[in-house]
Amino acid sequence: HKIFLHKLGTPQSEDRLIFDRPDDKEINLGAG
């Protein structure tokens, strides 16, 4: 699971990865 930031007016391919856990595939993420 990953947290992204989408900036308006840009394609999804440019969304910035904000946080992930490549060391543990079973972590679920939440952002607020």
ModelCIF file with pLDDT and N, C-alpha, C, O atoms, coordinates in Angstrom:
data_MODEL
#
_entry.id   MODEL 
#
_entity.id                         1 
_entity.type                       polymer 
_entity.pdbx_number_of_molecules   1 
#
_entity_poly.entity_id                      1 
_entity_poly.type                           'polypeptide(L)' 
_entity_poly.nstd_linkage                   no 
_entity_poly.nstd_monomer                   no 
_entity_poly.pdbx_seq_one_letter_code       HKIFLHKLGTPQSEDRLIFDRPDDKEINLGAG 
_entity_poly.pdbx_seq_one_letter_code_can   HKIFLHKLGTPQSEDRLIFDRPDDKEINLGAG 
_entity_poly.pdbx_strand_id                 A 
#
loop_
_entity_poly_seq.entity_id 
_entity_poly_seq.num 
_entity_poly_seq.mon_id 
_entity_poly_seq.hetero 
1 1  HIS n 
1 2  LYS n 
1 3  ILE n 
1 4  PHE n 
1 5  LEU n 
1 6  HIS n 
1 7  LYS n 
1 8  LEU n 
1 9  GLY n 
1 10 THR n 
1 11 PRO n 
1 12 GLN n 
1 13 SER n 
1 14 GLU n 
1 15 ASP n 
1 16 ARG n 
1 17 LEU n 
1 18 ILE n 
1 19 PHE n 
1 20 ASP n 
1 21 ARG n 
1 22 PRO n 
1 23 ASP n 
1 24 ASP n 
1 25 LYS n 
1 26 GLU n 
1 27 ILE n 
1 28 ASN n 
1 29 LEU n 
1 30 GLY n 
1 31 ALA n 
1 32 GLY n 
#
_struct_asym.id          A 
_struct_asym.entity_id   1 
#
loop_
_ma_qa_metric.id 
_ma_qa_metric.mode 
_ma_qa_metric.name 
_ma_qa_metric.software_group_id 
_ma_qa_metric.type 
1 global pLDDT . pLDDT 
2 local  pLDDT . pLDDT 
#
_ma_qa_metric_global.metric_id      1 
_ma_qa_metric_global.metric_value   96.81 
_ma_qa_metric_global.model_id       1 
_ma_qa_metric_global.ordinal_id     1 
#
loop_
_ma_qa_metric_local.label_asym_id 
_ma_qa_metric_local.label_comp_id 
_ma_qa_metric_local.label_seq_id 
_ma_qa_metric_local.metric_id 
_ma_qa_metric_local.metric_value 
_ma_qa_metric_local.model_id 
_ma_qa_metric_local.ordinal_id 
A HIS 1  2 96.00 1 1  
A LYS 2  2 97.00 1 2  
A ILE 3  2 98.00 1 3  
A PHE 4  2 98.00 1 4  
A LEU 5  2 98.00 1 5  
A HIS 6  2 98.00 1 6  
A LYS 7  2 98.00 1 7  
A LEU 8  2 98.00 1 8  
A GLY 9  2 98.00 1 9  
A THR 10 2 98.00 1 10 
A PRO 11 2 97.00 1 11 
A GLN 12 2 97.00 1 12 
A SER 13 2 97.00 1 13 
A GLU 14 2 97.00 1 14 
A ASP 15 2 97.00 1 15 
A ARG 16 2 97.00 1 16 
A LEU 17 2 97.00 1 17 
A ILE 18 2 97.00 1 18 
A PHE 19 2 96.00 1 19 
A ASP 20 2 97.00 1 20 
A ARG 21 2 96.00 1 21 
A PRO 22 2 96.00 1 22 
A ASP 23 2 97.00 1 23 
A ASP 24 2 96.00 1 24 
A LYS 25 2 94.00 1 25 
A GLU 26 2 94.00 1 26 
A ILE 27 2 95.00 1 27 
A ASN 28 2 95.00 1 28 
A LEU 29 2 97.00 1 29 
A GLY 30 2 97.00 1 30 
A ALA 31 2 98.00 1 31 
A GLY 32 2 97.00 1 32 
#
loop_
_atom_site.group_PDB 
_atom_site.id 
_atom_site.type_symbol 
_atom_site.label_atom_id 
_atom_site.label_alt_id 
_atom_site.label_comp_id 
_atom_site.label_asym_id 
_atom_site.label_entity_id 
_atom_site.label_seq_id 
_atom_site.pdbx_PDB_ins_code 
_atom_site.Cartn_x 
_atom_site.Cartn_y 
_atom_site.Cartn_z 
_atom_site.occupancy 
_atom_site.B_iso_or_equiv 
_atom_site.pdbx_formal_charge 
_atom_site.auth_seq_id 
_atom_site.auth_comp_id 
_atom_site.auth_asym_id 
_atom_site.auth_atom_id 
_atom_site.pdbx_PDB_model_num 
ATOM 1   N N  . HIS A 1 1  ? 0.848  -1.185 0.000   1.00 96.00 ? 1  HIS A N  1 
ATOM 2   C CA . HIS A 1 1  ? 0.000  0.000  0.000   1.00 96.00 ? 1  HIS A CA 1 
ATOM 3   C C  . HIS A 1 1  ? 0.889  1.242  0.000   1.00 96.00 ? 1  HIS A C  1 
ATOM 4   O O  . HIS A 1 1  ? 1.958  1.237  0.611   1.00 96.00 ? 1  HIS A O  1 
ATOM 5   N N  . LYS A 1 2  ? 0.458  2.301  -0.677  1.00 97.00 ? 2  LYS A N  1 
ATOM 6   C CA . LYS A 1 2  ? 1.264  3.513  -0.795  1.00 97.00 ? 2  LYS A CA 1 
ATOM 7   C C  . LYS A 1 2  ? 0.405  4.755  -0.590  1.00 97.00 ? 2  LYS A C  1 
ATOM 8   O O  . LYS A 1 2  ? -0.799 4.738  -0.848  1.00 97.00 ? 2  LYS A O  1 
ATOM 9   N N  . ILE A 1 3  ? 1.039  5.841  -0.119  1.00 98.00 ? 3  ILE A N  1 
ATOM 10  C CA . ILE A 1 3  ? 0.385  7.147  -0.014  1.00 98.00 ? 3  ILE A CA 1 
ATOM 11  C C  . ILE A 1 3  ? 0.959  8.054  -1.098  1.00 98.00 ? 3  ILE A C  1 
ATOM 12  O O  . ILE A 1 3  ? 2.175  8.194  -1.229  1.00 98.00 ? 3  ILE A O  1 
ATOM 13  N N  . PHE A 1 4  ? 0.061  8.670  -1.875  1.00 98.00 ? 4  PHE A N  1 
ATOM 14  C CA . PHE A 1 4  ? 0.452  9.574  -2.949  1.00 98.00 ? 4  PHE A CA 1 
ATOM 15  C C  . PHE A 1 4  ? -0.145 10.960 -2.710  1.00 98.00 ? 4  PHE A C  1 
ATOM 16  O O  . PHE A 1 4  ? -1.109 11.117 -1.960  1.00 98.00 ? 4  PHE A O  1 
ATOM 17  N N  . LEU A 1 5  ? 0.449  11.963 -3.366  1.00 98.00 ? 5  LEU A N  1 
ATOM 18  C CA . LEU A 1 5  ? -0.122 13.308 -3.430  1.00 98.00 ? 5  LEU A CA 1 
ATOM 19  C C  . LEU A 1 5  ? -0.442 13.620 -4.880  1.00 98.00 ? 5  LEU A C  1 
ATOM 20  O O  . LEU A 1 5  ? 0.435  13.591 -5.743  1.00 98.00 ? 5  LEU A O  1 
ATOM 21  N N  . HIS A 1 6  ? -1.710 13.918 -5.137  1.00 98.00 ? 6  HIS A N  1 
ATOM 22  C CA . HIS A 1 6  ? -2.113 14.328 -6.480  1.00 98.00 ? 6  HIS A CA 1 
ATOM 23  C C  . HIS A 1 6  ? -2.304 15.834 -6.504  1.00 98.00 ? 6  HIS A C  1 
ATOM 24  O O  . HIS A 1 6  ? -3.096 16.373 -5.731  1.00 98.00 ? 6  HIS A O  1 
ATOM 25  N N  . LYS A 1 7  ? -1.593 16.509 -7.374  1.00 98.00 ? 7  LYS A N  1 
ATOM 26  C CA . LYS A 1 7  ? -1.753 17.947 -7.555  1.00 98.00 ? 7  LYS A CA 1 
ATOM 27  C C  . LYS A 1 7  ? -2.704 18.197 -8.724  1.00 98.00 ? 7  LYS A C  1 
ATOM 28  O O  . LYS A 1 7  ? -2.554 17.610 -9.796  1.00 98.00 ? 7  LYS A O  1 
ATOM 29  N N  . LEU A 1 8  ? -3.676 19.068 -8.505  1.00 98.00 ? 8  LEU A N  1 
ATOM 30  C CA . LEU A 1 8  ? -4.679 19.334 -9.534  1.00 98.00 ? 8  LEU A CA 1 
ATOM 31  C C  . LEU A 1 8  ? -4.024 19.853 -10.814 1.00 98.00 ? 8  LEU A C  1 
ATOM 32  O O  . LEU A 1 8  ? -3.060 20.617 -10.786 1.00 98.00 ? 8  LEU A O  1 
ATOM 33  N N  . GLY A 1 9  ? -4.589 19.403 -11.935 1.00 98.00 ? 9  GLY A N  1 
ATOM 34  C CA . GLY A 1 9  ? -4.096 19.847 -13.231 1.00 98.00 ? 9  GLY A CA 1 
ATOM 35  C C  . GLY A 1 9  ? -2.921 19.060 -13.751 1.00 98.00 ? 9  GLY A C  1 
ATOM 36  O O  . GLY A 1 9  ? -2.370 19.396 -14.800 1.00 98.00 ? 9  GLY A O  1 
ATOM 37  N N  . THR A 1 10 ? -2.513 17.997 -13.029 1.00 98.00 ? 10 THR A N  1 
ATOM 38  C CA . THR A 1 10 ? -1.394 17.158 -13.474 1.00 98.00 ? 10 THR A CA 1 
ATOM 39  C C  . THR A 1 10 ? -1.888 15.732 -13.694 1.00 98.00 ? 10 THR A C  1 
ATOM 40  O O  . THR A 1 10 ? -2.854 15.314 -13.055 1.00 98.00 ? 10 THR A O  1 
ATOM 41  N N  . PRO A 1 11 ? -1.243 14.975 -14.585 1.00 97.00 ? 11 PRO A N  1 
ATOM 42  C CA . PRO A 1 11 ? -1.639 13.580 -14.785 1.00 97.00 ? 11 PRO A CA 1 
ATOM 43  C C  . PRO A 1 11 ? -1.240 12.724 -13.591 1.00 97.00 ? 11 PRO A C  1 
ATOM 44  O O  . PRO A 1 11 ? -0.334 13.082 -12.838 1.00 97.00 ? 11 PRO A O  1 
ATOM 45  N N  . GLN A 1 12 ? -1.915 11.594 -13.420 1.00 97.00 ? 12 GLN A N  1 
ATOM 46  C CA . GLN A 1 12 ? -1.620 10.715 -12.300 1.00 97.00 ? 12 GLN A CA 1 
ATOM 47  C C  . GLN A 1 12 ? -0.179 10.216 -12.346 1.00 97.00 ? 12 GLN A C  1 
ATOM 48  O O  . GLN A 1 12 ? 0.413  9.935  -11.304 1.00 97.00 ? 12 GLN A O  1 
ATOM 49  N N  . SER A 1 13 ? 0.381  10.107 -13.530 1.00 97.00 ? 13 SER A N  1 
ATOM 50  C CA . SER A 1 13 ? 1.766  9.629  -13.652 1.00 97.00 ? 13 SER A CA 1 
ATOM 51  C C  . SER A 1 13 ? 2.762  10.537 -12.945 1.00 97.00 ? 13 SER A C  1 
ATOM 52  O O  . SER A 1 13 ? 3.884  10.122 -12.655 1.00 97.00 ? 13 SER A O  1 
ATOM 53  N N  . GLU A 1 14 ? 2.356  11.784 -12.664 1.00 97.00 ? 14 GLU A N  1 
ATOM 54  C CA . GLU A 1 14 ? 3.226  12.717 -11.962 1.00 97.00 ? 14 GLU A CA 1 
ATOM 55  C C  . GLU A 1 14 ? 2.930  12.793 -10.465 1.00 97.00 ? 14 GLU A C  1 
ATOM 56  O O  . GLU A 1 14 ? 3.551  13.582 -9.751  1.00 97.00 ? 14 GLU A O  1 
ATOM 57  N N  . ASP A 1 15 ? 1.980  11.975 -9.980  1.00 97.00 ? 15 ASP A N  1 
ATOM 58  C CA . ASP A 1 15 ? 1.674  11.993 -8.547  1.00 97.00 ? 15 ASP A CA 1 
ATOM 59  C C  . ASP A 1 15 ? 2.907  11.591 -7.746  1.00 97.00 ? 15 ASP A C  1 
ATOM 60  O O  . ASP A 1 15 ? 3.629  10.661 -8.106  1.00 97.00 ? 15 ASP A O  1 
ATOM 61  N N  . ARG A 1 16 ? 3.128  12.308 -6.661  1.00 97.00 ? 16 ARG A N  1 
ATOM 62  C CA . ARG A 1 16 ? 4.329  12.101 -5.861  1.00 97.00 ? 16 ARG A CA 1 
ATOM 63  C C  . ARG A 1 16 ? 4.091  11.031 -4.793  1.00 97.00 ? 16 ARG A C  1 
ATOM 64  O O  . ARG A 1 16 ? 3.115  11.095 -4.045  1.00 97.00 ? 16 ARG A O  1 
ATOM 65  N N  . LEU A 1 17 ? 4.981  10.061 -4.731  1.00 97.00 ? 17 LEU A N  1 
ATOM 66  C CA . LEU A 1 17 ? 4.928  9.062  -3.668  1.00 97.00 ? 17 LEU A CA 1 
ATOM 67  C C  . LEU A 1 17 ? 5.355  9.732  -2.367  1.00 97.00 ? 17 LEU A C  1 
ATOM 68  O O  . LEU A 1 17 ? 6.475  10.230 -2.256  1.00 97.00 ? 17 LEU A O  1 
ATOM 69  N N  . ILE A 1 18 ? 4.465  9.742  -1.390  1.00 97.00 ? 18 ILE A N  1 
ATOM 70  C CA . ILE A 1 18 ? 4.712  10.415 -0.117  1.00 97.00 ? 18 ILE A CA 1 
ATOM 71  C C  . ILE A 1 18 ? 5.260  9.458  0.924   1.00 97.00 ? 18 ILE A C  1 
ATOM 72  O O  . ILE A 1 18 ? 6.157  9.806  1.692   1.00 97.00 ? 18 ILE A O  1 
ATOM 73  N N  . PHE A 1 19 ? 4.712  8.242  0.945   1.00 96.00 ? 19 PHE A N  1 
ATOM 74  C CA . PHE A 1 19 ? 5.150  7.284  1.975   1.00 96.00 ? 19 PHE A CA 1 
ATOM 75  C C  . PHE A 1 19 ? 4.811  5.874  1.525   1.00 96.00 ? 19 PHE A C  1 
ATOM 76  O O  . PHE A 1 19 ? 3.741  5.635  0.965   1.00 96.00 ? 19 PHE A O  1 
ATOM 77  N N  . ASP A 1 20 ? 5.714  4.949  1.766   1.00 97.00 ? 20 ASP A N  1 
ATOM 78  C CA . ASP A 1 20 ? 5.430  3.527  1.560   1.00 97.00 ? 20 ASP A CA 1 
ATOM 79  C C  . ASP A 1 20 ? 6.327  2.715  2.480   1.00 97.00 ? 20 ASP A C  1 
ATOM 80  O O  . ASP A 1 20 ? 7.196  3.262  3.159   1.00 97.00 ? 20 ASP A O  1 
ATOM 81  N N  . ARG A 1 21 ? 6.111  1.413  2.496   1.00 96.00 ? 21 ARG A N  1 
ATOM 82  C CA . ARG A 1 21 ? 6.900  0.504  3.321   1.00 96.00 ? 21 ARG A CA 1 
ATOM 83  C C  . ARG A 1 21 ? 7.405  -0.652 2.455   1.00 96.00 ? 21 ARG A C  1 
ATOM 84  O O  . ARG A 1 21 ? 6.860  -1.753 2.530   1.00 96.00 ? 21 ARG A O  1 
ATOM 85  N N  . PRO A 1 22 ? 8.429  -0.425 1.641   1.00 96.00 ? 22 PRO A N  1 
ATOM 86  C CA . PRO A 1 22 ? 8.929  -1.512 0.787   1.00 96.00 ? 22 PRO A CA 1 
ATOM 87  C C  . PRO A 1 22 ? 9.495  -2.683 1.567   1.00 96.00 ? 22 PRO A C  1 
ATOM 88  O O  . PRO A 1 22 ? 9.701  -3.761 1.010   1.00 96.00 ? 22 PRO A O  1 
ATOM 89  N N  . ASP A 1 23 ? 9.755  -2.475 2.879   1.00 97.00 ? 23 ASP A N  1 
ATOM 90  C CA . ASP A 1 23 ? 10.296 -3.550 3.711   1.00 97.00 ? 23 ASP A CA 1 
ATOM 91  C C  . ASP A 1 23 ? 9.231  -4.485 4.248   1.00 97.00 ? 23 ASP A C  1 
ATOM 92  O O  . ASP A 1 23 ? 9.554  -5.541 4.791   1.00 97.00 ? 23 ASP A O  1 
ATOM 93  N N  . ASP A 1 24 ? 7.947  -4.112 4.103   1.00 96.00 ? 24 ASP A N  1 
ATOM 94  C CA . ASP A 1 24 ? 6.858  -4.939 4.650   1.00 96.00 ? 24 ASP A CA 1 
ATOM 95  C C  . ASP A 1 24 ? 5.637  -4.805 3.751   1.00 96.00 ? 24 ASP A C  1 
ATOM 96  O O  . ASP A 1 24 ? 4.945  -3.788 3.785   1.00 96.00 ? 24 ASP A O  1 
ATOM 97  N N  . LYS A 1 25 ? 5.378  -5.814 2.961   1.00 94.00 ? 25 LYS A N  1 
ATOM 98  C CA . LYS A 1 25 ? 4.303  -5.748 1.974   1.00 94.00 ? 25 LYS A CA 1 
ATOM 99  C C  . LYS A 1 25 ? 2.912  -5.770 2.603   1.00 94.00 ? 25 LYS A C  1 
ATOM 100 O O  . LYS A 1 25 ? 1.932  -5.454 1.929   1.00 94.00 ? 25 LYS A O  1 
ATOM 101 N N  . GLU A 1 26 ? 2.805  -6.140 3.895   1.00 94.00 ? 26 GLU A N  1 
ATOM 102 C CA . GLU A 1 26 ? 1.495  -6.291 4.521   1.00 94.00 ? 26 GLU A CA 1 
ATOM 103 C C  . GLU A 1 26 ? 1.087  -5.090 5.375   1.00 94.00 ? 26 GLU A C  1 
ATOM 104 O O  . GLU A 1 26 ? 0.155  -5.185 6.173   1.00 94.00 ? 26 GLU A O  1 
ATOM 105 N N  . ILE A 1 27 ? 1.777  -3.965 5.211   1.00 95.00 ? 27 ILE A N  1 
ATOM 106 C CA . ILE A 1 27 ? 1.389  -2.756 5.929   1.00 95.00 ? 27 ILE A CA 1 
ATOM 107 C C  . ILE A 1 27 ? 0.322  -2.010 5.131   1.00 95.00 ? 27 ILE A C  1 
ATOM 108 O O  . ILE A 1 27 ? 0.492  -1.751 3.940   1.00 95.00 ? 27 ILE A O  1 
ATOM 109 N N  . ASN A 1 28 ? -0.776 -1.669 5.798   1.00 95.00 ? 28 ASN A N  1 
ATOM 110 C CA . ASN A 1 28 ? -1.803 -0.806 5.204   1.00 95.00 ? 28 ASN A CA 1 
ATOM 111 C C  . ASN A 1 28 ? -1.602 0.613  5.718   1.00 95.00 ? 28 ASN A C  1 
ATOM 112 O O  . ASN A 1 28 ? -1.235 0.814  6.876   1.00 95.00 ? 28 ASN A O  1 
ATOM 113 N N  . LEU A 1 29 ? -1.841 1.592  4.859   1.00 97.00 ? 29 LEU A N  1 
ATOM 114 C CA . LEU A 1 29 ? -1.539 2.976  5.183   1.00 97.00 ? 29 LEU A CA 1 
ATOM 115 C C  . LEU A 1 29 ? -2.786 3.847  5.168   1.00 97.00 ? 29 LEU A C  1 
ATOM 116 O O  . LEU A 1 29 ? -3.732 3.596  4.421   1.00 97.00 ? 29 LEU A O  1 
ATOM 117 N N  . GLY A 1 30 ? -2.766 4.864  5.998   1.00 97.00 ? 30 GLY A N  1 
ATOM 118 C CA . GLY A 1 30 ? -3.814 5.875  6.016   1.00 97.00 ? 30 GLY A CA 1 
ATOM 119 C C  . GLY A 1 30 ? -3.183 7.243  6.086   1.00 97.00 ? 30 GLY A C  1 
ATOM 120 O O  . GLY A 1 30 ? -2.109 7.402  6.667   1.00 97.00 ? 30 GLY A O  1 
ATOM 121 N N  . ALA A 1 31 ? -3.837 8.242  5.501   1.00 98.00 ? 31 ALA A N  1 
ATOM 122 C CA . ALA A 1 31 ? -3.293 9.599  5.504   1.00 98.00 ? 31 ALA A CA 1 
ATOM 123 C C  . ALA A 1 31 ? -4.421 10.591 5.727   1.00 98.00 ? 31 ALA A C  1 
ATOM 124 O O  . ALA A 1 31 ? -5.513 10.434 5.181   1.00 98.00 ? 31 ALA A O  1 
ATOM 125 N N  . GLY A 1 32 ? -4.155 11.605 6.525   1.00 97.00 ? 32 GLY A N  1 
ATOM 126 C CA . GLY A 1 32 ? -5.127 12.660 6.759   1.00 97.00 ? 32 GLY A CA 1 
ATOM 127 C C  . GLY A 1 32 ? -4.414 13.963 7.055   1.00 97.00 ? 32 GLY A C  1 
ATOM 128 O O  . GLY A 1 32 ? -5.063 14.984 7.283   1.00 97.00 ? 32 GLY A O  1 
#
